[in-house]
């Protein structure tokens, strides 16, 4: 790897903003793809550990251990040669100087910047009282919802109702796990709830098609979940959720309401002077560069806050955890390609690899005591196998980022 003339004056060769699913994988891939001479890396994130997101509903309800299903992210990064972990909050970024500003006043610079700050799980501003809805994505949201569940299910209410808002994969999985508390001998609280699932679309999990949506609805209903589709949430109050459907508006009385209805761009993305789509997502080219074809080739972005723009428009990215890993691998490769030549590019910017959208991919959807495994038109219910396989994937994932962690 050639040394860029400016490198000694900078804090690192690469700064990675965000250390959750995409960010930690970028660091892993940079060292995996350049084992002999890895770049100097600085990783910035607010948290030092990150829960395993694909099974977050099972972590929340004690099906798997919340403590042992975390990546000790900072320890892993600090165990990599030449890598440094900075716990802090990003508040600004100057693309021209590639300078990152943190809330405590720290300023960091690097030749290559990789933005992996992700998304937030929160309702749209159109939902009145939306701040009363709970969620379970960030560590703060997870802890707050876990505490709220403990209060609601402590036995003081005979059969409390919990409303889950969102008919996508996250919503149906959370509703299924809540329903499965009934009959669990190891449930963490004395009481199990009644569950109402509210989805705005006519079908559940519309991403996977009508047949899968109908089957998911049937399996949830068999477990006692009240499913209300084509229902839009208008407002939330203390102990109620107001929804509208074809018959008019109505209120659902509840002890707790949880938002699982979709993600939004992290608010910080609007302050980073980077290209965005009309809905606020980071707009990148097929090579995952923020400024492709310009004199600023060293700024990349990856993860679920990214939308690939080019060719036929905005690519229909999956917004699934596995795509974060694929994008991170590509970003690491392209970053190493740029670091391998002088920073002034005397022979021009080298060609970089484009991202490929994998349109066919298997989905596992957990529905409490039931499940669905979907591969194209094929849909089968294999609860035992699906549960085992997803646990196996989690163990492989956690092991991936533990190998180089320093001893406790």
Protein backbone atom coordinates (compact mmCIF):
# COMPACT_ATOMS: atom_id res chain seq x y z
CA UNK A 1 0.00 0.00 0.00
CA UNK A 2 1.44 3.36 -1.04
CA UNK A 3 1.69 6.12 1.55
CA UNK A 4 -0.31 9.20 0.62
CA UNK A 5 1.60 12.46 1.08
CA UNK A 6 -1.08 13.81 3.45
CA UNK A 7 -1.46 10.69 5.61
CA UNK A 8 0.99 11.62 8.42
CA UNK A 9 -0.93 14.87 9.07
CA UNK A 10 -4.22 13.04 9.53
CA UNK A 11 -5.53 11.09 12.50
CA UNK A 12 -6.11 7.93 10.45
CA UNK A 13 -6.22 6.43 7.01
CA UNK A 14 -9.89 5.55 7.48
CA UNK A 15 -12.57 6.91 9.81
CA UNK A 16 -15.72 4.80 10.18
CA UNK A 17 -18.72 6.70 11.53
CA UNK A 18 -21.00 4.20 13.25
CA UNK A 19 -20.09 0.78 14.63
CA UNK A 20 -23.29 -1.22 14.43
CA UNK A 21 -23.98 -3.89 11.80
CA UNK A 22 -22.38 -2.13 8.81
CA UNK A 23 -19.63 -0.18 10.56
CA UNK A 24 -18.05 -3.03 12.51
CA UNK A 25 -18.09 -5.18 9.37
CA UNK A 26 -16.19 -2.50 7.44
CA UNK A 27 -13.44 -2.64 10.07
CA UNK A 28 -13.43 -6.44 9.93
CA UNK A 29 -13.16 -6.43 6.12
CA UNK A 30 -10.41 -3.79 6.02
CA UNK A 31 -8.22 -6.06 8.14
CA UNK A 32 -9.31 -9.24 6.42
CA UNK A 33 -8.58 -7.86 2.94
CA UNK A 34 -5.29 -6.15 3.90
CA UNK A 35 -3.80 -8.45 6.55
CA UNK A 36 -0.16 -7.63 5.83
CA UNK A 37 -0.44 -3.85 5.98
CA UNK A 38 -3.84 -2.83 7.38
CA UNK A 39 -4.74 0.85 7.37
CA UNK A 40 -4.92 2.97 10.48
CA UNK A 41 -8.58 3.04 11.49
CA UNK A 42 -10.62 5.21 13.84
CA UNK A 43 -14.16 4.02 14.60
CA UNK A 44 -16.63 6.48 16.16
CA UNK A 45 -19.86 5.47 17.87
CA UNK A 46 -21.99 6.53 20.85
CA UNK A 47 -22.04 3.00 22.32
CA UNK A 48 -19.30 0.51 23.15
CA UNK A 49 -21.46 -2.57 22.59
CA UNK A 50 -24.28 -3.45 20.22
CA UNK A 51 -27.07 -6.00 20.55
CA UNK A 52 -27.72 -8.56 17.84
CA UNK A 53 -30.43 -6.84 15.77
CA UNK A 54 -31.97 -9.68 13.71
CA UNK A 55 -33.26 -11.35 16.90
CA UNK A 56 -33.94 -8.19 18.88
CA UNK A 57 -37.51 -9.28 19.73
CA UNK A 58 -36.17 -12.50 21.26
CA UNK A 59 -33.55 -10.60 23.26
CA UNK A 60 -36.28 -8.26 24.50
CA UNK A 61 -38.51 -11.08 25.75
CA UNK A 62 -35.82 -13.28 27.26
CA UNK A 63 -35.91 -16.06 24.67
CA UNK A 64 -32.19 -15.48 24.29
CA UNK A 65 -29.95 -13.72 26.78
CA UNK A 66 -29.78 -9.96 26.26
CA UNK A 67 -26.27 -9.84 27.74
CA UNK A 68 -24.69 -12.71 25.83
CA UNK A 69 -26.20 -11.66 22.48
CA UNK A 70 -24.20 -8.44 22.26
CA UNK A 71 -21.11 -7.61 20.26
CA UNK A 72 -18.43 -6.08 22.47
CA UNK A 73 -17.69 -3.70 19.64
CA UNK A 74 -15.17 -1.40 21.26
CA UNK A 75 -13.14 -4.32 22.63
CA UNK A 76 -13.07 -5.92 19.19
CA UNK A 77 -11.95 -2.74 17.42
CA UNK A 78 -9.32 -1.99 20.05
CA UNK A 79 -7.90 -5.47 19.51
CA UNK A 80 -7.23 -4.79 15.82
CA UNK A 81 -3.69 -3.63 15.00
CA UNK A 82 -3.61 0.09 14.32
CA UNK A 83 -7.29 0.62 15.17
CA UNK A 84 -8.78 3.00 17.71
CA UNK A 85 -12.30 3.28 19.09
CA UNK A 86 -13.69 6.71 19.98
CA UNK A 87 -16.90 6.79 21.97
CA UNK A 88 -18.68 9.96 21.00
CA UNK A 89 -21.50 11.54 19.05
CA UNK A 90 -20.95 12.87 15.55
CA UNK A 91 -22.34 16.40 15.13
CA UNK A 92 -20.73 17.59 11.91
CA UNK A 93 -18.69 16.68 8.85
CA UNK A 94 -16.84 18.73 6.26
CA UNK A 95 -16.49 16.72 3.03
CA UNK A 96 -13.81 19.00 1.58
CA UNK A 97 -11.36 18.59 4.47
CA UNK A 98 -12.78 15.18 5.47
CA UNK A 99 -13.02 16.49 9.01
CA UNK A 100 -15.40 14.92 11.53
CA UNK A 101 -16.62 16.95 14.50
CA UNK A 102 -17.83 15.29 17.73
CA UNK A 103 -20.13 16.71 20.38
CA UNK A 104 -17.27 17.12 22.87
CA UNK A 105 -15.34 19.31 20.44
CA UNK A 106 -13.01 16.58 19.17
CA UNK A 107 -12.10 16.91 15.48
CA UNK A 108 -10.82 13.94 13.49
CA UNK A 109 -9.59 13.72 9.90
CA UNK A 110 -8.72 10.86 7.58
CA UNK A 111 -8.10 10.25 3.93
CA UNK A 112 -11.12 7.95 3.62
CA UNK A 113 -14.41 8.51 5.44
CA UNK A 114 -17.04 5.77 5.65
CA UNK A 115 -20.48 6.78 6.95
CA UNK A 116 -22.43 3.94 8.58
CA UNK A 117 -24.62 5.90 10.98
CA UNK A 118 -27.76 3.99 10.07
CA UNK A 119 -31.38 4.68 10.85
CA UNK A 120 -33.75 5.23 13.74
CA UNK A 121 -36.98 3.41 14.57
CA UNK A 122 -39.56 6.11 15.16
CA UNK A 123 -43.06 7.04 13.94
CA UNK A 124 -43.63 9.80 11.39
CA UNK A 125 -44.42 13.30 12.58
CA UNK A 126 -47.99 12.88 11.29
CA UNK A 127 -48.81 10.60 14.27
CA UNK A 128 -50.05 12.87 17.04
CA UNK A 129 -48.52 11.89 20.36
CA UNK A 130 -46.02 9.65 18.59
CA UNK A 131 -43.44 10.36 21.29
CA UNK A 132 -45.49 8.09 23.57
CA UNK A 133 -44.79 5.09 21.36
CA UNK A 134 -41.94 2.83 22.44
CA UNK A 135 -39.48 1.04 20.17
CA UNK A 136 -36.67 -1.48 20.50
CA UNK A 137 -33.83 -0.73 18.05
CA UNK A 138 -31.32 1.48 19.86
CA UNK A 139 -29.84 0.45 23.24
CA UNK A 140 -31.78 3.25 24.94
CA UNK A 141 -35.05 2.20 23.31
CA UNK A 142 -34.41 -1.44 24.14
CA UNK A 143 -33.77 -0.77 27.81
CA UNK A 144 -36.78 1.56 28.13
CA UNK A 145 -39.15 -0.92 26.47
CA UNK A 146 -37.82 -3.82 28.53
CA UNK A 147 -38.50 -1.84 31.72
CA UNK A 148 -41.98 -0.88 30.50
CA UNK A 149 -42.82 -4.51 29.75
CA UNK A 150 -41.76 -5.43 33.26
CA UNK A 151 -44.18 -2.87 34.70
CA UNK A 152 -47.09 -3.86 32.43
CA UNK A 153 -46.65 -7.62 32.87
CA UNK A 154 -45.88 -7.66 36.60
CA UNK A 155 -49.28 -9.14 37.45
CA UNK A 156 -50.98 -5.92 38.51
CA UNK A 157 -53.14 -6.01 35.35
CA UNK A 158 -54.92 -9.29 34.64
CA UNK A 159 -54.53 -9.41 30.85
CA UNK A 160 -52.96 -6.17 29.61
CA UNK A 161 -53.26 -5.35 25.93
CA UNK A 162 -50.11 -4.46 23.99
CA UNK A 163 -50.50 -2.84 20.58
CA UNK A 164 -47.71 -3.42 18.05
CA UNK A 165 -47.79 -0.95 15.15
CA UNK A 166 -46.22 -2.17 11.93
CA UNK A 167 -47.12 -5.03 9.61
CA UNK A 168 -43.65 -5.65 8.23
CA UNK A 169 -41.20 -8.31 9.36
CA UNK A 170 -40.22 -6.48 12.57
CA UNK A 171 -43.83 -5.97 13.61
CA UNK A 172 -45.04 -9.52 12.98
CA UNK A 173 -42.00 -10.99 14.73
CA UNK A 174 -42.51 -8.83 17.82
CA UNK A 175 -46.25 -9.57 17.92
CA UNK A 176 -45.55 -13.29 17.62
CA UNK A 177 -43.02 -13.32 20.45
CA UNK A 178 -45.36 -11.34 22.71
CA UNK A 179 -48.17 -13.82 22.02
CA UNK A 180 -45.81 -16.73 22.70
CA UNK A 181 -45.29 -15.50 26.27
CA UNK A 182 -48.59 -17.25 27.03
CA UNK A 183 -47.65 -20.79 27.97
CA UNK A 184 -43.93 -20.16 28.33
CA UNK A 185 -42.71 -21.74 31.54
CA UNK A 186 -39.63 -19.51 31.50
CA UNK A 187 -41.32 -16.21 30.71
CA UNK A 188 -39.60 -13.33 32.49
CA UNK A 189 -42.78 -11.78 33.94
CA UNK A 190 -45.87 -13.19 35.71
CA UNK A 191 -48.44 -12.09 33.12
CA UNK A 192 -48.78 -12.61 29.39
CA UNK A 193 -50.54 -9.98 27.26
CA UNK A 194 -53.27 -9.81 24.70
CA UNK A 195 -51.67 -8.59 21.48
CA UNK A 196 -53.08 -6.40 18.72
CA UNK A 197 -51.04 -5.94 15.55
CA UNK A 198 -51.85 -2.88 13.44
CA UNK A 199 -50.59 -2.67 9.84
CA UNK A 200 -51.19 0.14 7.38
CA UNK A 201 -51.08 -2.09 4.29
CA UNK A 202 -53.77 -4.60 3.26
CA UNK A 203 -51.24 -7.41 3.70
CA UNK A 204 -48.74 -8.34 6.37
CA UNK A 205 -45.08 -8.50 5.27
CA UNK A 206 -45.95 -7.03 1.83
CA UNK A 207 -42.29 -7.35 0.80
CA UNK A 208 -42.77 -11.12 0.62
CA UNK A 209 -46.03 -11.24 -1.34
CA UNK A 210 -49.72 -11.94 -0.82
CA UNK A 211 -49.48 -15.66 -0.08
CA UNK A 212 -46.86 -15.15 2.63
CA UNK A 213 -48.82 -12.26 4.13
CA UNK A 214 -52.01 -14.32 4.33
CA UNK A 215 -50.18 -17.22 5.91
CA UNK A 216 -48.46 -14.98 8.47
CA UNK A 217 -51.84 -13.52 9.42
CA UNK A 218 -53.35 -16.98 9.87
CA UNK A 219 -50.46 -18.22 12.03
CA UNK A 220 -50.56 -15.13 14.24
CA UNK A 221 -54.33 -15.35 14.62
CA UNK A 222 -54.01 -18.99 15.68
CA UNK A 223 -51.84 -17.76 18.56
CA UNK A 224 -54.40 -15.20 19.68
CA UNK A 225 -53.04 -12.09 17.98
CA UNK A 226 -55.73 -9.66 16.83
CA UNK A 227 -54.59 -8.51 13.40
CA UNK A 228 -55.88 -5.23 11.97
CA UNK A 229 -54.62 -4.41 8.47
CA UNK A 230 -55.37 -1.40 6.25
CA UNK A 231 -55.37 0.58 9.49
CA UNK A 232 -53.50 3.86 9.81
CA UNK A 233 -52.46 5.15 13.23
CA UNK A 234 -53.66 8.72 13.73
CA UNK A 235 -52.82 9.47 17.34
CA UNK A 236 -51.50 7.98 20.55
CA UNK A 237 -52.50 8.92 24.08
CA UNK A 238 -52.10 7.65 27.61
CA UNK A 239 -53.60 4.17 27.36
CA UNK A 240 -54.98 4.31 23.83
CA UNK A 241 -54.16 4.26 20.13
CA UNK A 242 -56.49 5.84 17.57
CA UNK A 243 -56.61 4.19 14.16
CA UNK A 244 -58.48 4.80 10.92
CA UNK A 245 -59.66 2.17 8.43
CA UNK A 246 -62.35 1.86 5.77
CA UNK A 247 -65.08 1.90 8.42
CA UNK A 248 -63.94 5.07 10.15
CA UNK A 249 -61.86 5.81 13.24
CA UNK A 250 -61.69 3.88 16.50
CA UNK A 251 -59.64 3.71 19.67
CA UNK A 252 -57.80 0.66 20.94
CA UNK A 253 -57.41 0.71 24.72
CA UNK A 254 -54.00 -0.63 25.70
CA UNK A 255 -51.44 -0.75 28.48
CA UNK A 256 -48.53 -0.26 26.07
CA UNK A 257 -48.04 0.68 22.41
CA UNK A 258 -44.88 -0.18 20.46
CA UNK A 259 -43.74 1.25 17.14
CA UNK A 260 -42.34 -1.30 14.68
CA UNK A 261 -43.70 0.39 11.59
CA UNK A 262 -40.56 1.39 9.80
CA UNK A 263 -37.28 3.22 10.09
CA UNK A 264 -36.25 6.79 9.33
CA UNK A 265 -32.85 8.30 8.51
CA UNK A 266 -30.79 9.10 11.60
CA UNK A 267 -31.28 12.86 12.26
CA UNK A 268 -27.53 13.51 12.10
CA UNK A 269 -27.51 12.58 8.40
CA UNK A 270 -29.21 15.88 7.62
CA UNK A 271 -26.25 17.81 9.07
CA UNK A 272 -23.39 16.08 7.27
CA UNK A 273 -23.39 18.00 3.94
CA UNK A 274 -23.78 14.74 2.01
CA UNK A 275 -26.14 14.03 -0.93
CA UNK A 276 -29.53 12.71 0.14
CA UNK A 277 -32.70 11.48 -1.51
CA UNK A 278 -35.97 13.41 -1.24
CA UNK A 279 -36.87 11.29 1.80
CA UNK A 280 -33.61 12.04 3.61
CA UNK A 281 -31.66 8.83 2.94
CA UNK A 282 -28.00 9.02 1.93
CA UNK A 283 -27.71 8.93 -1.85
CA UNK A 284 -24.69 7.00 -3.15
CA UNK A 285 -23.59 5.74 -6.53
CA UNK A 286 -23.27 2.04 -7.40
CA UNK A 287 -19.73 2.04 -5.94
CA UNK A 288 -21.25 3.32 -2.65
CA UNK A 289 -19.41 6.63 -3.00
CA UNK A 290 -21.22 9.75 -1.84
CA UNK A 291 -19.63 11.84 -4.60
CA UNK A 292 -18.97 9.41 -7.48
CA UNK A 293 -17.15 10.79 -10.49
CA UNK A 294 -15.89 13.87 -8.67
CA UNK A 295 -12.66 15.04 -7.05
CA UNK A 296 -13.90 13.68 -3.71
CA UNK A 297 -13.82 9.91 -4.27
CA UNK A 298 -12.82 8.95 -0.70
CA UNK A 299 -16.23 9.41 0.99
CA UNK A 300 -18.38 6.27 1.17
CA UNK A 301 -21.59 5.26 2.92
CA UNK A 302 -23.17 1.90 3.63
CA UNK A 303 -25.91 0.33 5.74
CA UNK A 304 -29.67 0.70 5.96
CA UNK A 305 -29.58 4.50 5.63
CA UNK A 306 -28.16 4.23 2.09
CA UNK A 307 -30.05 4.34 -1.20
CA UNK A 308 -28.11 3.50 -4.34
CA UNK A 309 -28.84 6.00 -7.11
CA UNK A 310 -27.76 5.36 -10.67
CA UNK A 311 -28.75 3.66 -13.87
CA UNK A 312 -32.51 3.21 -13.59
CA UNK A 313 -32.99 5.36 -10.51
CA UNK A 314 -33.05 4.41 -6.82
CA UNK A 315 -32.26 0.75 -6.27
CA UNK A 316 -34.72 -1.25 -4.15
CA UNK A 317 -32.21 -2.14 -1.43
CA UNK A 318 -33.42 -4.81 0.99
CA UNK A 319 -32.74 -2.91 4.22
CA UNK A 320 -31.85 -6.24 5.83
CA UNK A 321 -28.85 -6.96 8.03
CA UNK A 322 -27.25 -9.27 5.47
CA UNK A 323 -27.08 -6.50 2.87
CA UNK A 324 -25.16 -4.35 5.36
CA UNK A 325 -22.48 -7.07 5.37
CA UNK A 326 -22.33 -7.20 1.57
CA UNK A 327 -22.10 -3.43 1.30
CA UNK A 328 -19.40 -3.27 3.98
CA UNK A 329 -17.27 -5.81 2.13
CA UNK A 330 -17.49 -3.76 -1.05
CA UNK A 331 -16.74 -0.46 0.70
CA UNK A 332 -13.65 -1.95 2.35
CA UNK A 333 -12.39 -3.21 -1.00
CA UNK A 334 -12.92 0.15 -2.71
CA UNK A 335 -11.36 2.06 0.19
CA UNK A 336 -8.25 -0.13 0.04
CA UNK A 337 -8.04 0.44 -3.71
CA UNK A 338 -7.91 4.21 -3.17
CA UNK A 339 -5.45 3.92 -0.28
CA UNK A 340 -3.18 1.87 -2.52
CA UNK A 341 -2.36 4.84 -4.76
CA UNK A 342 -1.06 8.37 -4.02
CA UNK A 343 -3.70 10.76 -2.73
CA UNK A 344 -3.29 13.17 -5.65
CA UNK A 345 -4.09 10.34 -8.11
CA UNK A 346 -1.38 11.21 -10.67
CA UNK A 347 -2.67 8.48 -13.00
CA UNK A 348 -6.33 9.20 -12.32
CA UNK A 349 -8.77 7.70 -9.84
CA UNK A 350 -8.61 3.91 -10.15
CA UNK A 351 -11.78 2.04 -11.14
CA UNK A 352 -13.86 0.79 -8.24
CA UNK A 353 -16.23 -2.15 -7.91
CA UNK A 354 -20.01 -1.60 -8.05
CA UNK A 355 -22.51 -3.01 -5.58
CA UNK A 356 -24.77 -5.84 -6.78
CA UNK A 357 -28.33 -6.15 -5.57
CA UNK A 358 -29.17 -9.75 -4.73
CA UNK A 359 -32.82 -10.04 -5.66
CA UNK A 360 -33.25 -13.65 -4.55
CA UNK A 361 -32.52 -14.30 -0.93
CA UNK A 362 -34.07 -16.55 1.71
CA UNK A 363 -36.03 -14.89 4.50
CA UNK A 364 -36.77 -16.43 7.85
CA UNK A 365 -39.74 -14.91 9.68
CA UNK A 366 -40.34 -15.93 13.30
CA UNK A 367 -43.98 -15.86 14.41
CA UNK A 368 -43.86 -16.85 18.06
CA UNK A 369 -44.34 -20.61 18.19
CA UNK A 370 -44.56 -20.70 14.39
CA UNK A 371 -42.32 -19.45 11.60
CA UNK A 372 -42.02 -19.06 7.86
CA UNK A 373 -39.03 -19.66 5.62
CA UNK A 374 -39.43 -17.89 2.29
CA UNK A 375 -37.35 -18.44 -0.84
CA UNK A 376 -38.91 -16.81 -3.90
CA UNK A 377 -42.34 -18.44 -4.36
CA UNK A 378 -41.55 -21.19 -1.85
CA UNK A 379 -42.95 -20.68 1.66
CA UNK A 380 -42.75 -23.37 4.35
CA UNK A 381 -43.35 -23.41 8.09
CA UNK A 382 -40.31 -24.89 9.82
CA UNK A 383 -40.32 -23.42 13.34
CA UNK A 384 -37.76 -25.78 14.83
CA UNK A 385 -35.29 -25.60 11.96
CA UNK A 386 -35.76 -21.85 11.46
CA UNK A 387 -35.21 -21.16 15.16
CA UNK A 388 -32.08 -23.34 15.28
CA UNK A 389 -30.66 -21.83 12.10
CA UNK A 390 -31.17 -18.24 13.23
CA UNK A 391 -29.49 -18.99 16.58
CA UNK A 392 -26.61 -20.59 14.67
CA UNK A 393 -26.27 -17.46 12.52
CA UNK A 394 -26.18 -15.33 15.67
CA UNK A 395 -23.43 -17.45 17.21
CA UNK A 396 -21.35 -17.18 14.02
CA UNK A 397 -21.89 -13.44 13.93
CA UNK A 398 -20.83 -12.91 17.55
CA UNK A 399 -17.81 -15.15 17.07
CA UNK A 400 -16.79 -13.14 14.01
CA UNK A 401 -16.09 -10.05 16.11
CA UNK A 402 -14.75 -11.75 19.20
CA UNK A 403 -11.64 -13.44 17.80
CA UNK A 404 -9.30 -10.47 18.22
CA UNK A 405 -10.85 -8.98 21.35
CA UNK A 406 -8.29 -8.47 24.11
CA UNK A 407 -8.82 -10.57 27.26
CA UNK A 408 -11.07 -9.07 29.91
